[in-house]
């Protein structure tokens, strides 16, 4: 029975060690989650850049350049993942563009200065940006 006393004094020490291990594990999981969250946008941006090949971009840009003058008022700065304001008109893609790249069905576009933005018509989010090439 004399050993019960020292065991009772060890229990709070073990509890402190266990709490430290739990705290360290929680911090490690939090760091892993935040690292994964910061890497996700770059992966999605890479996937978006594969939406069109360079040849498709050039051909579609030539089609669009013939049809649509660019916005030059500076009301909107085109960028990946930007949401186009509702007061800026989006254009439907030419049928020829959808034939060149069937994955673009349901997308529209806008031209700002020397850039073309491919836009999801449902969300008005810019999914791809590439240069405006003429013939």
C-alpha atoms as a PDB file:
ATOM      1  CA  UNK A   1       0.000   0.000   0.000  1.00  0.00           C
ATOM      2  CA  UNK A   2       2.934   2.331   0.355  1.00  0.00           C
ATOM      3  CA  UNK A   3       3.388   2.233  -3.425  1.00  0.00           C
ATOM      4  CA  UNK A   4      -0.005   3.794  -4.049  1.00  0.00           C
ATOM      5  CA  UNK A   5       1.283   7.220  -3.029  1.00  0.00           C
ATOM      6  CA  UNK A   6       4.105   7.471  -5.645  1.00  0.00           C
ATOM      7  CA  UNK A   7       1.769   6.167  -8.365  1.00  0.00           C
ATOM      8  CA  UNK A   8      -0.725   8.891  -7.582  1.00  0.00           C
ATOM      9  CA  UNK A   9       1.980  11.539  -7.995  1.00  0.00           C
ATOM     10  CA  UNK A  10       2.977  10.074 -11.386  1.00  0.00           C
ATOM     11  CA  UNK A  11      -0.556  10.302 -12.810  1.00  0.00           C
ATOM     12  CA  UNK A  12      -0.567  14.142 -13.165  1.00  0.00           C
ATOM     13  CA  UNK A  13       2.847  13.986 -14.869  1.00  0.00           C
ATOM     14  CA  UNK A  14       1.585  11.375 -17.362  1.00  0.00           C
ATOM     15  CA  UNK A  15      -1.512  13.488 -18.002  1.00  0.00           C
ATOM     16  CA  UNK A  16       0.671  16.543 -18.780  1.00  0.00           C
ATOM     17  CA  UNK A  17       2.813  14.497 -21.185  1.00  0.00           C
ATOM     18  CA  UNK A  18      -0.314  13.132 -22.885  1.00  0.00           C
ATOM     19  CA  UNK A  19      -1.759  16.645 -23.263  1.00  0.00           C
ATOM     20  CA  UNK A  20       1.506  17.869 -24.802  1.00  0.00           C
ATOM     21  CA  UNK A  21       1.421  15.000 -27.306  1.00  0.00           C
ATOM     22  CA  UNK A  22      -2.181  15.822 -28.210  1.00  0.00           C
ATOM     23  CA  UNK A  23      -1.294  19.512 -28.624  1.00  0.00           C
ATOM     24  CA  UNK A  24       1.706  18.665 -30.842  1.00  0.00           C
ATOM     25  CA  UNK A  25      -0.440  16.338 -32.961  1.00  0.00           C
ATOM     26  CA  UNK A  26      -3.140  19.001 -33.336  1.00  0.00           C
ATOM     27  CA  UNK A  27      -0.578  21.578 -34.472  1.00  0.00           C
ATOM     28  CA  UNK A  28       0.933  19.123 -36.974  1.00  0.00           C
ATOM     29  CA  UNK A  29      -2.486  18.333 -38.465  1.00  0.00           C
ATOM     30  CA  UNK A  30      -3.289  22.047 -38.704  1.00  0.00           C
ATOM     31  CA  UNK A  31      -0.018  22.743 -40.528  1.00  0.00           C
ATOM     32  CA  UNK A  32      -0.659  19.910 -42.978  1.00  0.00           C
ATOM     33  CA  UNK A  33      -4.165  21.183 -43.685  1.00  0.00           C
ATOM     34  CA  UNK A  34      -2.992  24.747 -44.274  1.00  0.00           C
ATOM     35  CA  UNK A  35      -0.189  23.561 -46.566  1.00  0.00           C
ATOM     36  CA  UNK A  36      -2.645  21.519 -48.611  1.00  0.00           C
ATOM     37  CA  UNK A  37      -5.023  24.468 -48.847  1.00  0.00           C
ATOM     38  CA  UNK A  38      -2.312  26.797 -50.149  1.00  0.00           C
ATOM     39  CA  UNK A  39      -1.186  24.283 -52.759  1.00  0.00           C
ATOM     40  CA  UNK A  40      -4.679  23.622 -54.120  1.00  0.00           C
ATOM     41  CA  UNK A  41      -5.032  26.874 -56.146  1.00  0.00           C
ATOM     42  CA  UNK A  42      -1.781  26.314 -58.019  1.00  0.00           C
ATOM     43  CA  UNK A  43      -2.901  22.832 -58.972  1.00  0.00           C
ATOM     44  CA  UNK A  44      -6.257  24.103 -60.225  1.00  0.00           C
ATOM     45  CA  UNK A  45      -4.548  26.905 -62.141  1.00  0.00           C
ATOM     46  CA  UNK A  46      -2.332  24.330 -63.824  1.00  0.00           C
ATOM     47  CA  UNK A  47      -5.391  22.285 -64.735  1.00  0.00           C
ATOM     48  CA  UNK A  48      -7.081  25.380 -66.166  1.00  0.00           C
ATOM     49  CA  UNK A  49      -4.087  26.197 -68.324  1.00  0.00           C
ATOM     50  CA  UNK A  50      -4.560  22.787 -69.936  1.00  0.00           C
ATOM     51  CA  UNK A  51      -8.108  23.735 -70.920  1.00  0.00           C
ATOM     52  CA  UNK A  52      -6.840  24.736 -74.387  1.00  0.00           C
ATOM     53  CA  UNK A  53      -3.714  23.901 -76.339  1.00  0.00           C
ATOM     54  CA  UNK A  54      -1.630  26.768 -77.698  1.00  0.00           C
ATOM     55  CA  UNK A  55      -2.916  26.031 -81.210  1.00  0.00           C
ATOM     56  CA  UNK A  56      -6.541  26.167 -79.987  1.00  0.00           C
ATOM     57  CA  UNK A  57      -5.858  29.444 -78.172  1.00  0.00           C
ATOM     58  CA  UNK A  58      -4.408  31.022 -81.333  1.00  0.00           C
ATOM     59  CA  UNK A  59      -7.272  29.880 -83.561  1.00  0.00           C
ATOM     60  CA  UNK A  60      -9.954  30.917 -81.067  1.00  0.00           C
ATOM     61  CA  UNK A  61      -8.227  34.262 -80.483  1.00  0.00           C
ATOM     62  CA  UNK A  62      -8.235  34.913 -84.232  1.00  0.00           C
ATOM     63  CA  UNK A  63     -11.965  34.134 -84.424  1.00  0.00           C
ATOM     64  CA  UNK A  64     -12.747  36.379 -81.448  1.00  0.00           C
ATOM     65  CA  UNK A  65     -10.495  39.219 -82.617  1.00  0.00           C
ATOM     66  CA  UNK A  66     -12.438  39.402 -85.883  1.00  0.00           C
ATOM     67  CA  UNK A  67     -15.769  39.700 -84.027  1.00  0.00           C
ATOM     68  CA  UNK A  68     -15.250  41.685 -80.846  1.00  0.00           C
ATOM     69  CA  UNK A  69     -13.510  44.984 -80.131  1.00  0.00           C
ATOM     70  CA  UNK A  70     -11.686  45.037 -76.778  1.00  0.00           C
ATOM     71  CA  UNK A  71     -12.841  46.873 -73.666  1.00  0.00           C
ATOM     72  CA  UNK A  72     -10.467  49.755 -73.068  1.00  0.00           C
ATOM     73  CA  UNK A  73     -12.241  51.747 -70.387  1.00  0.00           C
ATOM     74  CA  UNK A  74     -10.307  50.156 -67.553  1.00  0.00           C
ATOM     75  CA  UNK A  75     -13.517  49.135 -65.787  1.00  0.00           C
ATOM     76  CA  UNK A  76     -12.304  45.570 -65.386  1.00  0.00           C
ATOM     77  CA  UNK A  77      -8.847  44.090 -65.036  1.00  0.00           C
ATOM     78  CA  UNK A  78      -8.834  40.572 -66.430  1.00  0.00           C
ATOM     79  CA  UNK A  79      -7.265  37.843 -64.265  1.00  0.00           C
ATOM     80  CA  UNK A  80      -7.670  34.134 -63.600  1.00  0.00           C
ATOM     81  CA  UNK A  81     -10.441  33.385 -61.084  1.00  0.00           C
ATOM     82  CA  UNK A  82     -11.704  36.991 -61.150  1.00  0.00           C
ATOM     83  CA  UNK A  83     -15.469  37.415 -61.224  1.00  0.00           C
ATOM     84  CA  UNK A  84     -16.695  39.613 -64.058  1.00  0.00           C
ATOM     85  CA  UNK A  85     -19.083  42.327 -62.818  1.00  0.00           C
ATOM     86  CA  UNK A  86     -22.661  42.014 -64.065  1.00  0.00           C
ATOM     87  CA  UNK A  87     -22.496  45.375 -65.835  1.00  0.00           C
ATOM     88  CA  UNK A  88     -19.818  44.060 -68.231  1.00  0.00           C
ATOM     89  CA  UNK A  89     -21.191  42.208 -71.226  1.00  0.00           C
ATOM     90  CA  UNK A  90     -20.050  38.648 -71.835  1.00  0.00           C
ATOM     91  CA  UNK A  91     -20.140  37.247 -75.359  1.00  0.00           C
ATOM     92  CA  UNK A  92     -21.091  33.758 -76.470  1.00  0.00           C
ATOM     93  CA  UNK A  93     -18.249  31.823 -77.992  1.00  0.00           C
ATOM     94  CA  UNK A  94     -18.389  31.479 -81.765  1.00  0.00           C
ATOM     95  CA  UNK A  95     -19.683  28.093 -82.928  1.00  0.00           C
ATOM     96  CA  UNK A  96     -16.318  27.521 -84.611  1.00  0.00           C
ATOM     97  CA  UNK A  97     -14.576  27.956 -81.246  1.00  0.00           C
ATOM     98  CA  UNK A  98     -16.794  25.335 -79.627  1.00  0.00           C
ATOM     99  CA  UNK A  99     -16.061  23.009 -82.539  1.00  0.00           C
ATOM    100  CA  UNK A 100     -12.309  23.527 -82.037  1.00  0.00           C
ATOM    101  CA  UNK A 101     -12.609  22.950 -78.282  1.00  0.00           C
ATOM    102  CA  UNK A 102     -15.800  21.114 -77.244  1.00  0.00           C
ATOM    103  CA  UNK A 103     -14.787  21.516 -73.576  1.00  0.00           C
ATOM    104  CA  UNK A 104     -15.715  25.202 -73.908  1.00  0.00           C
ATOM    105  CA  UNK A 105     -19.452  24.594 -74.252  1.00  0.00           C
ATOM    106  CA  UNK A 106     -21.205  26.690 -71.632  1.00  0.00           C
ATOM    107  CA  UNK A 107     -18.418  29.266 -71.568  1.00  0.00           C
ATOM    108  CA  UNK A 108     -18.387  32.804 -72.846  1.00  0.00           C
ATOM    109  CA  UNK A 109     -15.662  35.355 -73.272  1.00  0.00           C
ATOM    110  CA  UNK A 110     -14.661  38.961 -72.965  1.00  0.00           C
ATOM    111  CA  UNK A 111     -11.821  40.915 -74.492  1.00  0.00           C
ATOM    112  CA  UNK A 112      -9.953  43.449 -72.367  1.00  0.00           C
ATOM    113  CA  UNK A 113      -7.247  45.383 -74.182  1.00  0.00           C
ATOM    114  CA  UNK A 114      -4.915  42.686 -75.559  1.00  0.00           C
ATOM    115  CA  UNK A 115      -6.249  39.735 -73.546  1.00  0.00           C
ATOM    116  CA  UNK A 116      -9.116  37.296 -73.919  1.00  0.00           C
ATOM    117  CA  UNK A 117     -10.797  35.803 -70.884  1.00  0.00           C
ATOM    118  CA  UNK A 118     -12.768  32.573 -71.125  1.00  0.00           C
ATOM    119  CA  UNK A 119     -15.597  32.903 -68.606  1.00  0.00           C
ATOM    120  CA  UNK A 120     -17.953  30.391 -67.015  1.00  0.00           C
ATOM    121  CA  UNK A 121     -21.345  31.877 -67.889  1.00  0.00           C
ATOM    122  CA  UNK A 122     -23.024  30.477 -64.767  1.00  0.00           C
ATOM    123  CA  UNK A 123     -20.583  31.940 -62.248  1.00  0.00           C
ATOM    124  CA  UNK A 124     -19.052  34.751 -64.385  1.00  0.00           C
ATOM    125  CA  UNK A 125     -15.655  33.539 -63.186  1.00  0.00           C
ATOM    126  CA  UNK A 126     -12.653  33.898 -65.509  1.00  0.00           C
ATOM    127  CA  UNK A 127     -11.343  30.400 -66.114  1.00  0.00           C
ATOM    128  CA  UNK A 128      -8.573  31.085 -68.632  1.00  0.00           C
ATOM    129  CA  UNK A 129      -6.696  34.132 -69.926  1.00  0.00           C
ATOM    130  CA  UNK A 130      -4.632  34.246 -73.097  1.00  0.00           C
ATOM    131  CA  UNK A 131      -3.356  36.864 -75.536  1.00  0.00           C
ATOM    132  CA  UNK A 132      -5.482  38.331 -78.296  1.00  0.00           C
ATOM    133  CA  UNK A 133      -3.803  37.415 -81.579  1.00  0.00           C
ATOM    134  CA  UNK A 134      -4.768  38.833 -84.925  1.00  0.00           C
ATOM    135  CA  UNK A 135      -4.051  37.394 -88.316  1.00  0.00           C
END
